[in-house]
Amino acid sequence: MQDARYARLYADERGESHFADVDLVLSPVDFAPPAAPLNVAPLFPAAGCFLVSGPADWAGEVPHPAPRRQLFCMLRGEVDVTASDGETRRLAPGGLMLLEDTTGKGHATRVVGGEEFLLVGVTLAD
């Protein structure tokens, strides 16, 4: 078995955004027989997927809620995401972040490292 982790960004009942770490256990599954089993952990039903790219000087620093419930996986570049409670997390290549702060004060996003970013986004089903 293997472990995996993602950061969850959510809004509480007062509209304040916070981060929480979510740990997953991946268990062996016959994923692509006759190949050997792979380690898998189910996540969420998806409604669609997309790529997002932004330049090194993109300005998402004005606090905003997520437009929909979505999962991001960073492919290239880095961004700092700051919850309204003041905590900042960096989304770097290979990192996963679940954005669920669709109401309330939201979060701010800042591109770091001086290069454009590219991520895979998955819109989650209701």
Protein backbone atom coordinates (compact mmCIF):
# COMPACT_ATOMS: atom_id res chain seq x y z
CA MET A 1 0.00 0.00 0.00
CA GLN A 2 1.00 3.61 -0.53
CA ASP A 3 -0.16 6.88 0.95
CA ALA A 4 -1.13 10.10 -0.78
CA ARG A 5 -2.21 13.53 0.45
CA TYR A 6 -4.01 16.56 -0.88
CA ALA A 7 -4.82 19.98 0.54
CA ARG A 8 -8.51 20.80 0.94
CA LEU A 9 -9.58 24.48 0.84
CA TYR A 10 -13.07 24.98 2.28
CA ALA A 11 -15.32 27.67 3.76
CA ASP A 12 -16.73 27.32 7.26
CA GLU A 13 -20.23 28.37 8.34
CA ARG A 14 -19.01 31.99 8.83
CA GLY A 15 -17.58 32.15 5.30
CA GLU A 16 -13.94 31.96 6.43
CA SER A 17 -11.68 29.85 4.18
CA HIS A 18 -9.34 27.27 5.74
CA PHE A 19 -6.98 24.49 4.65
CA ALA A 20 -7.07 20.89 5.84
CA ASP A 21 -4.78 18.01 4.87
CA VAL A 22 -6.53 14.88 3.62
CA ASP A 23 -4.56 11.63 3.78
CA LEU A 24 -5.44 8.72 1.52
CA VAL A 25 -4.42 5.08 1.55
CA LEU A 26 -3.92 3.58 -1.90
CA SER A 27 -4.64 -0.15 -2.05
CA PRO A 28 -3.65 -2.71 -4.71
CA VAL A 29 -6.30 -3.12 -7.43
CA ASP A 30 -6.37 -5.11 -10.66
CA PHE A 31 -6.52 -1.83 -12.56
CA ALA A 32 -5.37 -2.90 -16.06
CA PRO A 33 -5.29 -6.71 -16.28
CA PRO A 34 -3.29 -8.63 -17.22
CA ALA A 35 -0.76 -6.07 -15.95
CA ALA A 36 0.26 -6.28 -12.30
CA PRO A 37 -2.01 -4.51 -9.76
CA LEU A 38 -1.63 -0.78 -9.20
CA ASN A 39 -2.31 1.17 -6.00
CA VAL A 40 -5.60 3.10 -6.20
CA ALA A 41 -7.72 5.34 -3.96
CA PRO A 42 -11.11 6.50 -5.23
CA LEU A 43 -11.62 10.28 -5.16
CA PHE A 44 -14.74 12.02 -6.52
CA PRO A 45 -17.22 11.73 -9.38
CA ALA A 46 -16.16 14.18 -12.10
CA ALA A 47 -18.23 16.39 -14.39
CA GLY A 48 -15.39 17.52 -16.68
CA CYS A 49 -11.71 18.28 -16.93
CA PHE A 50 -9.64 21.11 -18.35
CA LEU A 51 -6.17 22.66 -18.53
CA VAL A 52 -5.43 26.09 -17.04
CA SER A 53 -2.35 28.16 -17.80
CA GLY A 54 -1.39 31.59 -16.54
CA PRO A 55 1.55 33.92 -17.01
CA ALA A 56 4.18 34.59 -14.34
CA ASP A 57 2.57 37.97 -13.58
CA TRP A 58 -1.05 36.73 -13.35
CA ALA A 59 -2.92 38.59 -10.62
CA GLY A 60 -5.37 36.51 -8.62
CA GLU A 61 -4.48 38.36 -5.45
CA VAL A 62 -7.95 39.87 -4.94
CA PRO A 63 -9.76 37.37 -2.67
CA HIS A 64 -12.34 35.30 -4.54
CA PRO A 65 -14.28 32.08 -3.92
CA ALA A 66 -13.74 29.10 -6.21
CA PRO A 67 -16.21 29.31 -9.10
CA ARG A 68 -17.11 25.63 -8.64
CA ARG A 69 -15.99 22.61 -6.66
CA GLN A 70 -12.80 21.46 -8.40
CA LEU A 71 -9.59 19.51 -7.99
CA PHE A 72 -6.31 20.98 -9.28
CA CYS A 73 -3.10 19.08 -10.08
CA MET A 74 -0.14 21.33 -10.86
CA LEU A 75 1.95 20.27 -13.85
CA ARG A 76 4.36 23.22 -14.24
CA GLY A 77 5.10 26.35 -12.22
CA GLU A 78 3.98 27.22 -8.70
CA VAL A 79 1.28 29.29 -7.04
CA ASP A 80 0.71 30.36 -3.46
CA VAL A 81 -2.91 30.11 -2.34
CA THR A 82 -3.88 32.11 0.76
CA ALA A 83 -7.08 31.24 2.63
CA SER A 84 -9.03 34.08 4.22
CA ASP A 85 -7.80 32.91 7.65
CA GLY A 86 -4.28 33.91 6.51
CA GLU A 87 -2.76 30.45 5.97
CA THR A 88 -0.82 30.05 2.71
CA ARG A 89 -0.13 26.80 0.89
CA ARG A 90 2.06 26.35 -2.19
CA LEU A 91 0.75 24.31 -5.10
CA ALA A 92 3.85 22.98 -6.88
CA PRO A 93 4.29 20.38 -9.64
CA GLY A 94 2.72 17.09 -8.59
CA GLY A 95 0.63 18.78 -5.89
CA LEU A 96 -3.12 18.29 -5.51
CA MET A 97 -5.56 20.84 -4.12
CA LEU A 98 -9.32 20.42 -3.66
CA LEU A 99 -11.06 23.79 -3.91
CA GLU A 100 -14.40 23.79 -2.09
CA ASP A 101 -14.56 27.39 -0.85
CA THR A 102 -17.34 28.25 -3.31
CA THR A 103 -18.97 30.67 -0.84
CA GLY A 104 -17.71 33.19 1.67
CA LYS A 105 -14.56 35.30 1.63
CA GLY A 106 -12.61 32.98 -0.67
CA HIS A 107 -8.87 32.89 -1.23
CA ALA A 108 -6.11 34.79 -3.03
CA THR A 109 -3.69 33.24 -5.52
CA ARG A 110 -0.21 34.45 -6.45
CA VAL A 111 2.12 32.99 -9.07
CA VAL A 112 5.61 32.45 -7.61
CA GLY A 113 8.95 31.46 -9.10
CA GLY A 114 8.87 33.74 -12.12
CA GLU A 115 7.40 31.28 -14.62
CA GLU A 116 3.96 30.56 -16.04
CA PHE A 117 1.92 27.77 -14.52
CA LEU A 118 0.02 24.88 -16.08
CA LEU A 119 -2.45 22.70 -14.21
CA VAL A 120 -5.05 20.05 -14.83
CA GLY A 121 -8.41 20.90 -13.32
CA VAL A 122 -11.27 18.51 -12.72
CA THR A 123 -14.76 19.89 -12.18
CA LEU A 124 -16.43 17.71 -9.58
CA ALA A 125 -19.98 16.43 -9.91
CA ASP A 126 -22.58 17.79 -7.50
